[in-house]
Amino acid sequence: MNNDTNTLELETQQHPNFIESNTQAMSLAEIADKCIVPTFSDNSLTISHQDFCGAVYKAAENVFGALTPIECRVSHPINGRIPTALNKKTQDLADNEKTIYYQRLAWIAKVANLTKNINGQEIHLTIGGVRAYSEDKLYNRPSALKFKIFVGWQVRVCSNLMLQTDGFSGSIDCITQADIHQKALELFNRYDSVKDSNLEALAELQDTRMTEEQFCHILGRLRLYQALPLAQQREIPQVILGDQAINEATRQYVSNPNFGRKTGDDGISTWDFMQLLTEAAKGSYIDRWLDRNANCIEFATGIRKALRYEDSGYDWFLN
């Protein structure tokens, strides 16, 4: 067993996964050693998963300093075989005759020396990225590939990311590793100047509480929102959480030992509410996870303002 595998197992023991869904853990070394790299129609190489991670990782080191090892989650394996095994039955294939790559990748790394505390919980500044080959036009001539990069705060106890919109690149189009590195540098440099104010905004969530009745009312409104005509939805702040996430947040409210309801308390803080939503978002597919996570943070922040009678546009979910 190599050092990367040992590190991965230790990291997994120390905290929960940062995303669940149908993903599996895999070290960066395993991805590089065991997975092929897809090509375009003219056999030109795409940017590999490991090169994507490396370009962003180096940019983050330049801005924030030392990072922890990369933690990867992959999904949607694409299986193949080498040319000399084309006529073999599947059960007769030897290991060296099989090929595989994973269509989707999500990864994170934490800034080693940047740890804060909110509500008694350890918070780490975390960087990472998402890549889905399904968004690239691999059957055409070489063209720009799509990646997503982020930087935000992560709660140690549950590995929930708190991803604000100014720390999320959205989808970026890149042709080379140098393009990825440059766009990552731009994002990280912008975020470096606001990371403390972002943390303060998150910390403010613990000062506002909602009753159990308000929590249930919000869940009901979230379900109603999904059934509204599009024209009416456009008049309300966008929410991209589906029934599955809403159901999971409801279960977590009852059962989560860190952020659910406590005996003797009537309700929870908006900090807890945000964690219930981001916990639920961890069940999303890799390609939708970041967008839903950022939407959870925006929604919880908007609800806090509405509870404090501040103009946020989220009053509809409480009325």
Protein backbone atom coordinates (compact mmCIF):
# COMPACT_ATOMS: atom_id res chain seq x y z
CA MET A 1 0.00 0.00 0.00
CA ASN A 2 1.51 3.34 -1.04
CA ASN A 3 1.68 6.57 0.94
CA ASP A 4 -1.16 8.20 -1.05
CA THR A 5 -3.50 5.33 -0.13
CA ASN A 6 -2.50 5.55 3.55
CA THR A 7 -3.12 9.30 3.53
CA LEU A 8 -6.51 8.82 1.89
CA GLU A 9 -7.60 6.23 4.46
CA LEU A 10 -6.45 8.40 7.37
CA GLU A 11 -8.27 11.42 5.97
CA THR A 12 -11.46 9.39 5.53
CA GLN A 13 -11.29 8.21 9.15
CA GLN A 14 -10.89 11.77 10.41
CA HIS A 15 -13.96 13.31 8.78
CA PRO A 16 -17.00 12.41 6.62
CA ASN A 17 -17.00 12.67 2.83
CA PHE A 18 -17.41 16.13 1.33
CA ILE A 19 -19.80 14.67 -1.26
CA GLU A 20 -21.76 11.43 -1.31
CA SER A 21 -24.17 10.58 -4.13
CA ASN A 22 -22.79 7.69 -6.21
CA THR A 23 -19.13 8.67 -5.82
CA GLN A 24 -16.15 6.67 -4.63
CA ALA A 25 -12.86 7.76 -3.11
CA MET A 26 -9.74 7.50 -5.24
CA SER A 27 -6.29 8.97 -4.71
CA LEU A 28 -4.74 11.21 -7.33
CA ALA A 29 -1.96 8.64 -7.80
CA GLU A 30 -4.51 5.92 -8.56
CA ILE A 31 -6.24 8.15 -11.10
CA ALA A 32 -2.91 8.82 -12.82
CA ASP A 33 -1.79 5.17 -12.76
CA LYS A 34 -5.02 3.32 -13.53
CA CYS A 35 -7.07 5.61 -15.74
CA ILE A 36 -6.64 6.39 -19.43
CA VAL A 37 -7.03 9.95 -20.69
CA PRO A 38 -9.81 10.46 -23.28
CA THR A 39 -8.95 12.08 -26.61
CA PHE A 40 -10.69 14.25 -29.17
CA SER A 41 -11.76 12.84 -32.53
CA ASP A 42 -8.31 13.48 -34.05
CA ASN A 43 -6.63 11.64 -31.12
CA SER A 44 -5.43 14.87 -29.49
CA LEU A 45 -5.23 14.53 -25.72
CA THR A 46 -7.66 16.26 -23.41
CA ILE A 47 -6.51 17.76 -20.12
CA SER A 48 -6.36 14.88 -17.65
CA HIS A 49 -8.02 14.93 -14.23
CA GLN A 50 -4.63 14.93 -12.51
CA ASP A 51 -3.35 17.84 -14.61
CA PHE A 52 -6.48 19.84 -13.77
CA CYS A 53 -5.98 19.21 -10.05
CA GLY A 54 -2.28 20.04 -10.27
CA ALA A 55 -2.81 23.38 -12.03
CA VAL A 56 -5.38 24.57 -9.46
CA TYR A 57 -3.37 23.22 -6.53
CA LYS A 58 -0.27 25.17 -7.58
CA ALA A 59 -2.28 28.37 -7.99
CA ALA A 60 -3.73 27.94 -4.50
CA GLU A 61 -0.28 27.37 -3.01
CA ASN A 62 0.90 30.61 -4.61
CA VAL A 63 -1.92 32.56 -2.94
CA PHE A 64 -2.65 30.80 0.36
CA GLY A 65 0.49 28.80 1.17
CA ALA A 66 0.82 25.11 2.06
CA LEU A 67 -2.14 22.82 1.40
CA THR A 68 -3.18 19.40 2.69
CA PRO A 69 -3.12 16.44 0.26
CA ILE A 70 -5.82 16.34 -2.40
CA GLU A 71 -8.96 14.35 -1.59
CA CYS A 72 -10.76 13.03 -4.70
CA ARG A 73 -14.18 11.57 -5.38
CA VAL A 74 -15.02 10.08 -8.80
CA SER A 75 -18.14 8.73 -10.47
CA HIS A 76 -19.56 7.41 -13.75
CA PRO A 77 -16.81 4.97 -14.83
CA ILE A 78 -16.37 4.49 -18.57
CA ASN A 79 -15.03 1.00 -19.28
CA GLY A 80 -13.12 -0.10 -22.36
CA ARG A 81 -10.59 -2.65 -23.62
CA ILE A 82 -7.34 -2.63 -25.55
CA PRO A 83 -7.44 -3.43 -29.33
CA THR A 84 -5.98 -6.92 -28.98
CA ALA A 85 -8.89 -7.93 -26.72
CA LEU A 86 -11.73 -6.75 -28.96
CA ASN A 87 -13.06 -10.24 -29.61
CA LYS A 88 -12.83 -11.58 -26.07
CA LYS A 89 -15.84 -12.19 -23.87
CA THR A 90 -16.14 -9.83 -20.93
CA GLN A 91 -15.53 -12.56 -18.37
CA ASP A 92 -12.35 -13.60 -20.18
CA LEU A 93 -10.65 -10.21 -20.10
CA ALA A 94 -7.41 -9.99 -18.14
CA ASP A 95 -6.82 -6.92 -15.96
CA ASN A 96 -4.18 -5.57 -18.35
CA GLU A 97 -6.68 -5.76 -21.21
CA LYS A 98 -9.26 -3.51 -19.53
CA THR A 99 -9.27 0.29 -19.64
CA ILE A 100 -11.21 2.74 -17.52
CA TYR A 101 -11.63 6.44 -16.89
CA TYR A 102 -14.10 8.29 -14.69
CA GLN A 103 -16.38 10.75 -16.39
CA ARG A 104 -16.76 12.98 -13.31
CA LEU A 105 -14.32 14.17 -10.64
CA ALA A 106 -14.68 16.34 -7.55
CA TRP A 107 -11.72 17.17 -5.33
CA ILE A 108 -10.71 19.38 -2.42
CA ALA A 109 -7.62 20.39 -0.46
CA LYS A 110 -7.50 22.51 2.67
CA VAL A 111 -5.20 25.44 3.41
CA ALA A 112 -2.94 23.94 6.07
CA ASN A 113 -2.49 26.95 8.32
CA LEU A 114 -5.83 28.74 8.01
CA THR A 115 -8.30 27.44 10.59
CA LYS A 116 -11.06 29.44 12.32
CA ASN A 117 -13.88 28.69 14.74
CA ILE A 118 -17.60 29.36 14.43
CA ASN A 119 -20.17 28.28 17.00
CA GLY A 120 -17.60 25.96 18.61
CA GLN A 121 -16.87 24.21 15.31
CA GLU A 122 -13.55 24.15 13.48
CA ILE A 123 -13.63 25.79 10.04
CA HIS A 124 -11.01 25.35 7.29
CA LEU A 125 -10.40 27.38 4.16
CA THR A 126 -10.76 24.86 1.35
CA ILE A 127 -10.05 24.91 -2.38
CA GLY A 128 -11.05 22.45 -5.06
CA GLY A 129 -12.66 21.78 -8.37
CA VAL A 130 -15.13 19.77 -10.41
CA ARG A 131 -14.80 18.29 -13.87
CA ALA A 132 -17.25 16.30 -16.00
CA TYR A 133 -16.14 14.97 -19.38
CA SER A 134 -19.83 14.78 -20.28
CA GLU A 135 -19.80 18.57 -20.70
CA ASP A 136 -16.95 18.44 -23.24
CA LYS A 137 -17.33 17.82 -26.97
CA LEU A 138 -14.87 14.96 -27.20
CA TYR A 139 -16.25 13.71 -30.51
CA ASN A 140 -15.27 16.93 -32.29
CA ARG A 141 -11.95 18.54 -33.07
CA PRO A 142 -9.97 19.95 -30.09
CA SER A 143 -11.86 22.72 -28.31
CA ALA A 144 -11.99 24.40 -24.91
CA LEU A 145 -12.82 22.10 -22.00
CA LYS A 146 -15.09 22.98 -19.09
CA PHE A 147 -14.00 23.07 -15.45
CA LYS A 148 -15.31 24.50 -12.18
CA ILE A 149 -13.05 25.90 -9.45
CA PHE A 150 -13.98 27.04 -5.95
CA VAL A 151 -12.63 28.33 -2.66
CA GLY A 152 -14.66 28.54 0.53
CA TRP A 153 -14.95 27.50 4.16
CA GLN A 154 -15.54 23.92 5.31
CA VAL A 155 -16.87 22.67 8.65
CA ARG A 156 -14.57 20.05 10.12
CA VAL A 157 -17.19 18.02 11.97
CA CYS A 158 -19.26 17.24 8.86
CA SER A 159 -17.09 18.30 5.89
CA ASN A 160 -19.90 20.55 4.65
CA LEU A 161 -18.65 23.25 2.33
CA MET A 162 -19.98 26.80 2.67
CA LEU A 163 -19.50 28.07 -0.84
CA GLN A 164 -20.36 31.71 -1.46
CA THR A 165 -20.81 32.97 -4.98
CA ASP A 166 -17.64 35.10 -4.97
CA GLY A 167 -15.63 31.95 -4.25
CA PHE A 168 -17.11 29.94 -7.10
CA SER A 169 -15.88 30.25 -10.69
CA GLY A 170 -18.90 28.69 -12.34
CA SER A 171 -18.00 26.92 -15.55
CA ILE A 172 -14.74 28.09 -17.12
CA ASP A 173 -13.49 27.17 -20.60
CA CYS A 174 -9.82 26.25 -20.82
CA ILE A 175 -7.60 24.83 -23.55
CA THR A 176 -4.36 24.35 -21.59
CA GLN A 177 -3.19 23.80 -18.02
CA ALA A 178 -1.81 27.34 -18.12
CA ASP A 179 -5.36 28.63 -18.73
CA ILE A 180 -6.62 26.73 -15.69
CA HIS A 181 -3.76 27.98 -13.54
CA GLN A 182 -4.35 31.61 -14.57
CA LYS A 183 -8.11 31.54 -13.95
CA ALA A 184 -7.58 29.80 -10.61
CA LEU A 185 -5.07 32.48 -9.62
CA GLU A 186 -7.56 35.21 -10.49
CA LEU A 187 -10.32 33.57 -8.42
CA PHE A 188 -8.09 32.89 -5.42
CA ASN A 189 -6.58 36.39 -5.41
CA ARG A 190 -10.05 37.97 -5.50
CA TYR A 191 -11.27 35.73 -2.70
CA ASP A 192 -8.18 36.28 -0.55
CA SER A 193 -9.20 39.90 -0.01
CA VAL A 194 -12.73 39.01 1.13
CA LYS A 195 -12.25 35.67 2.91
CA ASP A 196 -12.45 37.24 6.38
CA SER A 197 -15.59 39.23 5.60
CA ASN A 198 -17.15 36.10 4.10
CA LEU A 199 -16.39 34.23 7.32
CA GLU A 200 -17.93 37.04 9.38
CA ALA A 201 -21.09 36.85 7.27
CA LEU A 202 -21.29 33.12 7.91
CA ALA A 203 -20.69 33.61 11.64
CA GLU A 204 -23.63 36.03 11.81
CA LEU A 205 -25.96 33.16 10.91
CA GLN A 206 -25.66 31.72 14.42
CA ASP A 207 -27.21 34.88 15.92
CA THR A 208 -30.59 34.42 14.23
CA ARG A 209 -32.99 31.62 15.10
CA MET A 210 -36.13 30.18 13.52
CA THR A 211 -38.86 28.28 15.31
CA GLU A 212 -39.82 24.74 14.34
CA GLU A 213 -43.03 26.15 12.89
CA GLN A 214 -41.03 28.55 10.69
CA PHE A 215 -38.71 25.73 9.62
CA CYS A 216 -41.71 23.61 8.56
CA HIS A 217 -43.26 26.59 6.80
CA ILE A 218 -40.07 27.16 4.79
CA LEU A 219 -39.99 23.49 3.75
CA GLY A 220 -43.59 23.73 2.58
CA ARG A 221 -42.84 26.87 0.60
CA LEU A 222 -39.85 25.16 -1.01
CA ARG A 223 -42.17 22.43 -2.27
CA LEU A 224 -44.72 24.98 -3.48
CA TYR A 225 -41.97 26.91 -5.28
CA GLN A 226 -41.22 23.90 -7.47
CA ALA A 227 -44.84 23.75 -8.67
CA LEU A 228 -45.20 27.46 -9.48
CA PRO A 229 -45.40 28.62 -13.11
CA LEU A 230 -42.02 29.82 -14.41
CA ALA A 231 -43.23 33.40 -14.63
CA GLN A 232 -44.06 33.39 -10.93
CA GLN A 233 -40.80 31.63 -10.00
CA ARG A 234 -38.86 34.44 -11.65
CA GLU A 235 -40.37 36.88 -9.15
CA ILE A 236 -38.84 34.89 -6.27
CA PRO A 237 -35.12 34.23 -5.56
CA GLN A 238 -34.03 31.10 -7.40
CA VAL A 239 -33.85 27.82 -5.48
CA ILE A 240 -32.43 24.74 -7.22
CA LEU A 241 -32.98 22.20 -4.44
CA GLY A 242 -35.24 19.31 -5.41
CA ASP A 243 -37.57 17.06 -3.42
CA GLN A 244 -34.78 14.65 -2.50
CA ALA A 245 -32.70 17.41 -0.88
CA ILE A 246 -35.72 18.85 0.93
CA ASN A 247 -36.60 15.40 2.29
CA GLU A 248 -33.00 14.89 3.43
CA ALA A 249 -32.92 18.28 5.19
CA THR A 250 -36.13 17.31 7.01
CA ARG A 251 -34.63 14.01 8.19
CA GLN A 252 -31.44 15.79 9.26
CA TYR A 253 -33.46 18.27 11.31
CA VAL A 254 -34.71 15.36 13.41
CA SER A 255 -31.59 13.19 13.51
CA ASN A 256 -28.45 15.27 12.95
CA PRO A 257 -26.52 15.44 16.27
CA ASN A 258 -24.60 18.59 15.31
CA PHE A 259 -27.18 20.77 13.56
CA GLY A 260 -30.61 19.22 14.18
CA ARG A 261 -33.12 20.18 16.84
CA LYS A 262 -32.04 19.78 20.45
CA THR A 263 -34.14 18.63 23.38
CA GLY A 264 -35.77 21.64 25.00
CA ASP A 265 -35.12 23.98 22.07
CA ASP A 266 -37.90 25.34 19.90
CA GLY A 267 -36.15 25.48 16.54
CA ILE A 268 -32.63 26.04 15.27
CA SER A 269 -30.30 28.86 14.24
CA THR A 270 -29.92 29.87 10.62
CA TRP A 271 -26.34 28.53 10.89
CA ASP A 272 -27.80 25.09 11.67
CA PHE A 273 -30.35 25.55 8.89
CA MET A 274 -27.57 26.24 6.39
CA GLN A 275 -25.71 23.10 7.49
CA LEU A 276 -28.83 20.97 7.07
CA LEU A 277 -29.18 22.26 3.50
CA THR A 278 -25.53 21.77 2.56
CA GLU A 279 -25.61 18.28 4.11
CA ALA A 280 -28.57 17.50 1.87
CA ALA A 281 -26.77 18.93 -1.17
CA LYS A 282 -23.95 16.39 -0.68
CA GLY A 283 -26.28 13.83 -2.25
CA SER A 284 -26.19 15.64 -5.61
CA TYR A 285 -24.33 14.32 -8.63
CA ILE A 286 -20.84 15.78 -9.01
CA ASP A 287 -21.77 18.04 -11.93
CA ARG A 288 -24.62 19.69 -9.95
CA TRP A 289 -23.12 19.69 -6.47
CA LEU A 290 -21.27 23.03 -6.48
CA ASP A 291 -24.17 25.03 -7.91
CA ARG A 292 -26.56 23.56 -5.35
CA ASN A 293 -24.12 24.12 -2.49
CA ALA A 294 -23.71 27.81 -3.38
CA ASN A 295 -27.49 28.11 -3.71
CA CYS A 296 -27.92 26.65 -0.19
CA ILE A 297 -25.64 29.30 1.31
CA GLU A 298 -27.39 32.09 -0.56
CA PHE A 299 -30.78 30.77 0.52
CA ALA A 300 -29.84 30.47 4.21
CA THR A 301 -28.36 33.98 4.18
CA GLY A 302 -31.51 35.33 2.54
CA ILE A 303 -33.75 33.61 5.11
CA ARG A 304 -31.69 35.13 7.92
CA LYS A 305 -32.27 38.60 6.51
CA ALA A 306 -35.98 37.91 6.11
CA LEU A 307 -36.20 36.75 9.74
CA ARG A 308 -34.56 40.02 10.78
CA TYR A 309 -37.04 42.00 8.62
CA GLU A 310 -34.29 43.09 6.27
CA ASP A 311 -35.07 43.38 2.57
CA SER A 312 -33.73 40.22 0.96
CA GLY A 313 -36.46 39.07 -1.42
CA TYR A 314 -36.84 35.87 0.63
CA ASP A 315 -39.90 37.02 2.60
CA TRP A 316 -42.10 34.84 0.36
CA PHE A 317 -40.67 31.71 2.00
CA LEU A 318 -41.78 32.94 5.46
CA ASN A 319 -45.12 34.56 4.69
